[in-house]
N, C-alpha and C. Protein backbone atom coordinates (compact mmCIF):
# COMPACT_ATOMS: atom_id res chain seq x y z
N MET A 1 144.22 237.42 27.51
CA MET A 1 143.88 236.53 28.91
C MET A 1 143.95 235.29 28.61
N LYS A 2 144.85 234.47 29.63
CA LYS A 2 144.89 233.19 29.46
C LYS A 2 143.83 232.55 30.01
N LYS A 3 143.30 230.99 29.13
CA LYS A 3 141.98 230.29 29.36
C LYS A 3 142.71 228.94 30.47
N LYS A 4 142.27 229.15 31.70
CA LYS A 4 142.11 228.03 32.73
C LYS A 4 141.63 227.12 32.51
N SER A 5 142.42 225.64 31.87
CA SER A 5 142.17 224.30 31.95
C SER A 5 141.15 223.47 32.94
N LEU A 6 140.40 222.91 32.50
CA LEU A 6 139.70 222.01 33.59
C LEU A 6 140.86 220.44 34.00
N ALA A 7 140.99 220.47 35.58
CA ALA A 7 142.23 219.39 36.13
C ALA A 7 141.43 218.32 35.53
N THR A 8 142.63 217.56 35.25
CA THR A 8 142.12 216.35 34.51
C THR A 8 142.35 214.95 35.71
N SER A 9 141.72 214.02 35.48
CA SER A 9 142.12 212.69 36.29
C SER A 9 143.84 212.49 36.83
N SER A 10 144.47 213.14 36.33
CA SER A 10 145.85 213.06 35.97
C SER A 10 146.42 213.98 36.84
N ASP A 11 145.74 214.96 36.83
CA ASP A 11 146.03 216.24 37.97
C ASP A 11 146.21 216.25 39.11
N LEU A 12 145.35 215.48 39.35
CA LEU A 12 144.66 215.46 40.94
C LEU A 12 145.61 213.87 41.59
N GLU A 13 145.69 214.55 42.94
CA GLU A 13 146.53 213.45 44.00
C GLU A 13 145.46 213.17 44.71
N PHE A 14 144.43 212.62 44.51
CA PHE A 14 143.63 211.57 44.52
C PHE A 14 142.88 210.83 43.80
N GLU A 15 142.73 209.68 43.69
CA GLU A 15 141.45 209.29 43.01
C GLU A 15 139.82 209.23 43.54
N PRO A 16 139.56 209.45 42.24
CA PRO A 16 137.79 210.07 42.31
C PRO A 16 137.30 208.36 43.62
N CYS A 17 136.22 209.37 43.91
CA CYS A 17 135.50 207.87 44.80
C CYS A 17 133.90 208.21 44.81
N ASN A 18 133.50 207.48 44.41
CA ASN A 18 131.39 207.82 44.70
C ASN A 18 131.18 206.17 45.78
N GLU A 19 131.14 206.76 46.53
CA GLU A 19 130.85 205.26 47.65
C GLU A 19 129.82 206.61 48.84
N VAL A 20 129.02 205.25 49.39
CA VAL A 20 127.79 205.81 50.34
C VAL A 20 127.69 205.00 51.21
N VAL A 21 127.60 205.63 52.55
CA VAL A 21 127.15 204.79 53.77
C VAL A 21 125.97 205.67 54.36
N LEU A 22 124.84 204.83 54.18
CA LEU A 22 123.80 205.04 54.44
C LEU A 22 123.18 204.40 55.83
N ARG A 23 122.65 205.28 57.08
CA ARG A 23 121.61 204.40 58.01
C ARG A 23 120.74 205.69 58.18
N GLY A 24 119.91 204.34 58.04
CA GLY A 24 118.10 205.27 58.69
C GLY A 24 117.19 203.97 58.65
N ARG A 25 116.00 204.16 58.71
CA ARG A 25 114.78 203.60 58.62
C ARG A 25 114.03 203.44 57.22
N VAL A 26 113.45 202.19 56.58
CA VAL A 26 112.77 201.50 55.38
C VAL A 26 111.48 202.55 55.42
N SER A 27 111.32 203.30 54.66
CA SER A 27 110.16 203.76 54.43
C SER A 27 109.30 202.99 53.46
N SER A 28 109.30 202.51 52.85
CA SER A 28 108.96 202.04 51.41
C SER A 28 109.20 200.73 51.47
N ALA A 29 108.37 199.14 51.81
CA ALA A 29 108.86 197.76 51.36
C ALA A 29 109.37 197.85 49.74
N GLY A 30 110.55 196.75 50.01
CA GLY A 30 111.50 196.55 48.56
C GLY A 30 110.05 195.79 47.45
N VAL A 31 110.15 196.24 46.14
CA VAL A 31 109.71 196.28 45.49
C VAL A 31 110.56 195.66 44.07
N GLU A 32 110.18 194.75 43.97
CA GLU A 32 111.17 194.06 42.25
C GLU A 32 110.24 194.19 40.96
N ARG A 33 111.35 194.66 40.36
CA ARG A 33 110.83 194.75 39.19
C ARG A 33 111.52 193.90 37.93
N VAL A 34 110.76 193.59 36.77
CA VAL A 34 111.89 193.25 35.87
C VAL A 34 111.71 194.49 34.86
N LEU A 35 113.06 194.84 34.01
CA LEU A 35 113.21 195.83 32.83
C LEU A 35 112.86 194.67 31.72
N PRO A 36 112.82 195.26 30.50
CA PRO A 36 112.66 195.32 29.72
C PRO A 36 114.03 194.52 28.85
N SER A 37 114.83 194.59 29.22
CA SER A 37 116.05 193.85 28.93
C SER A 37 116.22 192.60 29.84
N GLY A 38 115.22 192.15 30.58
CA GLY A 38 115.31 191.28 31.76
C GLY A 38 115.94 191.04 32.91
N ASP A 39 116.54 192.42 32.93
CA ASP A 39 117.37 192.46 34.42
C ASP A 39 116.14 192.71 35.40
N LYS A 40 116.61 192.18 36.85
CA LYS A 40 115.75 192.52 37.85
C LYS A 40 116.24 193.38 38.85
N VAL A 41 115.63 194.19 39.57
CA VAL A 41 115.81 195.30 40.26
C VAL A 41 115.21 195.18 41.43
N VAL A 42 115.36 195.43 42.83
CA VAL A 42 114.77 195.56 43.58
C VAL A 42 114.72 196.85 44.34
N GLU A 43 113.37 197.82 44.33
CA GLU A 43 113.39 199.09 45.39
C GLU A 43 113.11 199.59 45.87
N PHE A 44 113.69 200.06 46.96
CA PHE A 44 113.14 200.42 47.96
C PHE A 44 113.30 202.46 48.65
N ARG A 45 113.25 202.03 49.96
CA ARG A 45 113.13 203.99 50.15
C ARG A 45 113.48 203.73 51.43
N ILE A 46 114.64 204.73 52.14
CA ILE A 46 115.05 204.46 53.51
C ILE A 46 115.04 206.16 53.76
N VAL A 47 114.84 206.68 54.77
CA VAL A 47 114.90 207.71 55.38
C VAL A 47 115.71 208.11 56.31
N VAL A 48 116.85 209.30 56.21
CA VAL A 48 117.79 209.30 57.11
C VAL A 48 117.77 210.65 57.41
N ASP A 49 117.96 210.63 58.95
CA ASP A 49 117.33 211.63 59.51
C ASP A 49 119.42 213.00 59.28
N ARG A 50 119.01 214.17 59.35
CA ARG A 50 120.37 215.02 59.12
C ARG A 50 121.17 215.44 59.95
N ALA A 51 122.03 215.41 60.04
CA ALA A 51 123.09 215.48 61.40
C ALA A 51 122.98 217.07 61.82
N THR A 52 122.30 217.91 61.08
CA THR A 52 122.70 219.42 61.33
C THR A 52 120.94 219.32 60.91
N SER A 53 120.42 220.73 61.26
CA SER A 53 118.94 220.99 60.61
C SER A 53 119.73 222.55 60.51
N ARG A 54 118.67 223.40 59.81
CA ARG A 54 118.52 224.70 59.29
C ARG A 54 118.00 225.30 60.67
N GLY A 55 117.12 224.75 61.22
CA GLY A 55 116.06 225.43 62.18
C GLY A 55 116.17 224.73 63.72
N SER A 56 115.15 224.67 63.92
CA SER A 56 114.13 224.17 65.24
C SER A 56 113.56 222.40 65.13
N LYS A 57 113.53 222.39 63.69
CA LYS A 57 112.51 221.31 63.38
C LYS A 57 113.31 220.13 62.93
N ARG A 58 113.16 218.98 63.14
CA ARG A 58 113.81 217.64 62.60
C ARG A 58 114.13 217.94 60.90
N GLU A 59 115.12 217.62 60.34
CA GLU A 59 114.86 217.10 59.35
C GLU A 59 115.53 216.01 58.76
N VAL A 60 115.06 215.57 57.53
CA VAL A 60 115.70 214.08 56.55
C VAL A 60 115.15 214.12 55.18
N ASP A 61 116.02 213.03 55.01
CA ASP A 61 115.85 213.47 53.89
C ASP A 61 115.53 212.00 53.05
N SER A 62 114.58 211.48 52.67
CA SER A 62 114.05 210.30 51.63
C SER A 62 114.69 210.03 50.66
N LEU A 63 115.21 208.56 50.54
CA LEU A 63 116.41 208.09 49.08
C LEU A 63 115.84 206.80 48.96
N ASP A 64 115.98 207.29 47.51
CA ASP A 64 115.71 205.83 46.97
C ASP A 64 117.06 204.78 46.70
N ILE A 65 116.45 203.78 46.80
CA ILE A 65 117.77 202.73 46.83
C ILE A 65 117.39 201.71 46.17
N ALA A 66 117.95 200.83 44.94
CA ALA A 66 118.07 199.90 44.30
C ALA A 66 119.24 199.22 44.45
N ALA A 67 118.54 197.61 44.63
CA ALA A 67 119.65 196.17 45.09
C ALA A 67 119.94 195.95 43.31
N TRP A 68 120.65 195.26 42.51
CA TRP A 68 120.57 194.46 41.35
C TRP A 68 121.02 193.50 42.05
N SER A 69 122.22 193.17 42.45
CA SER A 69 122.62 191.70 42.50
C SER A 69 121.86 190.73 43.27
N SER A 70 121.80 189.79 42.95
CA SER A 70 120.75 188.97 43.81
C SER A 70 120.57 188.69 44.91
N VAL A 71 122.12 188.75 45.80
CA VAL A 71 122.06 188.90 47.09
C VAL A 71 121.41 190.15 48.22
N ALA A 72 122.02 191.06 46.73
CA ALA A 72 121.21 192.20 47.50
C ALA A 72 119.68 192.42 47.31
N ARG A 73 119.16 191.78 46.12
CA ARG A 73 117.83 192.24 46.22
C ARG A 73 117.02 190.47 47.10
N ARG A 74 117.74 189.56 47.60
CA ARG A 74 116.99 189.18 48.73
C ARG A 74 117.18 189.36 49.65
N LYS A 75 117.98 190.74 50.26
CA LYS A 75 118.10 191.07 51.22
C LYS A 75 117.06 192.20 51.65
N ALA A 76 116.86 192.89 50.06
CA ALA A 76 116.22 194.18 50.33
C ALA A 76 114.60 193.90 50.44
N LEU A 77 114.07 192.23 49.71
CA LEU A 77 112.82 191.99 49.97
C LEU A 77 112.53 191.10 51.27
N SER A 78 113.39 191.47 52.54
CA SER A 78 113.60 190.79 53.07
C SER A 78 113.01 192.03 54.53
N LEU A 79 113.34 193.21 53.80
CA LEU A 79 112.88 194.46 54.84
C LEU A 79 111.61 194.91 54.69
N ARG A 80 111.14 195.10 56.07
CA ARG A 80 109.71 196.14 56.08
C ARG A 80 110.00 197.43 57.01
N ILE A 81 109.07 198.01 56.59
CA ILE A 81 109.11 199.11 57.17
C ILE A 81 109.41 199.30 58.20
N ASP A 82 110.14 200.16 59.12
CA ASP A 82 110.37 200.80 60.50
C ASP A 82 112.17 200.08 60.33
N TYR A 83 111.71 198.97 59.79
CA TYR A 83 113.50 198.47 60.15
C TYR A 83 114.43 199.51 59.93
N TRP A 84 115.73 199.18 60.68
CA TRP A 84 116.61 200.28 60.84
C TRP A 84 117.87 199.00 60.19
N VAL A 85 118.48 200.04 58.72
CA VAL A 85 119.03 199.11 57.92
C VAL A 85 120.32 200.08 57.51
N GLU A 86 121.19 199.45 56.95
CA GLU A 86 122.93 200.21 56.52
C GLU A 86 123.06 199.78 55.46
N VAL A 87 122.88 200.56 54.29
CA VAL A 87 123.43 200.12 53.19
C VAL A 87 124.50 201.46 52.67
N LYS A 88 125.19 200.52 51.80
CA LYS A 88 126.98 200.79 51.38
C LYS A 88 126.25 200.57 49.50
N GLY A 89 126.89 201.47 48.98
CA GLY A 89 127.04 201.58 47.51
C GLY A 89 127.59 202.63 46.96
N ALA A 90 126.86 203.20 46.25
CA ALA A 90 127.38 204.35 45.32
C ALA A 90 126.29 204.99 44.65
N VAL A 91 126.42 206.02 44.75
CA VAL A 91 125.27 207.19 43.53
C VAL A 91 125.04 206.77 42.37
N ARG A 92 124.21 206.61 41.88
CA ARG A 92 124.05 206.28 40.27
C ARG A 92 122.54 207.13 39.38
N ARG A 93 122.87 207.91 38.13
CA ARG A 93 122.11 208.96 38.05
C ARG A 93 121.59 207.37 36.66
N ARG A 94 120.04 206.93 36.91
CA ARG A 94 119.57 206.49 35.76
C ARG A 94 119.04 207.51 35.05
N PHE A 95 118.61 206.41 33.53
CA PHE A 95 118.25 207.24 32.30
C PHE A 95 117.30 206.18 31.82
N TRP A 96 116.20 206.85 31.30
CA TRP A 96 115.07 205.48 30.48
C TRP A 96 114.13 206.71 29.59
N GLN A 97 113.48 205.78 28.52
CA GLN A 97 112.72 206.28 27.17
C GLN A 97 111.45 206.74 28.40
N ALA A 98 110.98 207.24 28.38
CA ALA A 98 109.07 207.64 28.96
C ALA A 98 108.57 208.04 27.74
N PRO A 99 107.53 208.18 28.29
CA PRO A 99 106.61 208.58 27.24
C PRO A 99 106.40 210.05 26.25
N THR A 100 106.98 211.00 27.41
CA THR A 100 106.97 212.18 26.95
C THR A 100 108.71 212.77 26.64
N GLY A 101 109.78 211.39 26.86
CA GLY A 101 111.24 211.52 26.40
C GLY A 101 112.12 211.12 27.33
N LEU A 102 113.40 211.17 27.23
CA LEU A 102 114.21 211.47 28.16
C LEU A 102 113.87 211.17 29.39
N ALA A 103 114.14 210.48 30.35
CA ALA A 103 113.77 210.86 32.19
C ALA A 103 114.65 210.21 32.79
N SER A 104 115.20 210.24 33.78
CA SER A 104 116.09 210.67 34.78
C SER A 104 115.55 210.47 36.24
N ARG A 105 116.17 210.20 37.44
CA ARG A 105 116.28 209.89 38.44
C ARG A 105 117.79 209.42 39.35
N TRP A 106 117.95 210.08 40.46
CA TRP A 106 119.14 209.91 41.19
C TRP A 106 118.88 208.84 42.02
N GLN A 107 119.78 207.38 42.45
CA GLN A 107 119.15 206.63 43.28
C GLN A 107 120.47 205.81 43.51
N VAL A 108 120.80 205.29 44.95
CA VAL A 108 122.05 204.59 46.04
C VAL A 108 121.92 203.30 45.00
N GLU A 109 123.10 202.54 44.32
CA GLU A 109 122.85 201.54 44.06
C GLU A 109 123.16 201.03 45.14
N ALA A 110 122.93 199.80 45.69
CA ALA A 110 123.07 199.33 46.67
C ALA A 110 123.99 198.10 46.84
N MET A 111 125.17 198.02 46.94
CA MET A 111 126.17 196.62 47.10
C MET A 111 125.87 195.74 48.18
N GLU A 112 126.10 196.58 49.46
CA GLU A 112 125.58 196.04 50.90
C GLU A 112 124.27 196.24 51.17
N ILE A 113 123.78 195.19 52.05
CA ILE A 113 122.38 196.38 53.24
C ILE A 113 122.55 195.20 54.40
N ALA A 114 122.39 196.06 55.33
CA ALA A 114 122.62 195.02 56.65
C ALA A 114 121.81 195.92 57.44
N ARG A 115 120.81 194.78 58.10
CA ARG A 115 119.64 195.09 59.10
C ARG A 115 120.09 195.79 60.25
N LEU A 116 120.02 196.64 61.02
CA LEU A 116 120.72 197.07 62.48
C LEU A 116 119.68 196.32 63.86
């Protein structure tokens, strides 16, 4: 039996894409952190309604947003809870060394933040 090989990027007829556009309500105000490397990041959270639900009750997703550039950090710090925003960016998985071992989490890295 011949093994199937995985497709490589040269086999694809399209370019891989990691772009996200979210519109939602700010549910936690931005908090600036300085990392051990000296880098600064502002993290906040937005709540996004799902377009379709599996039942009769409303469903939402609560998503972590990270702003790394100075422009995005400034904009993130100006946001208040319940503001409506549009965030453009990419999904990232962050890793760090925690006391219990390697830890990770998913978040959206904001390239652009606009208040609606």
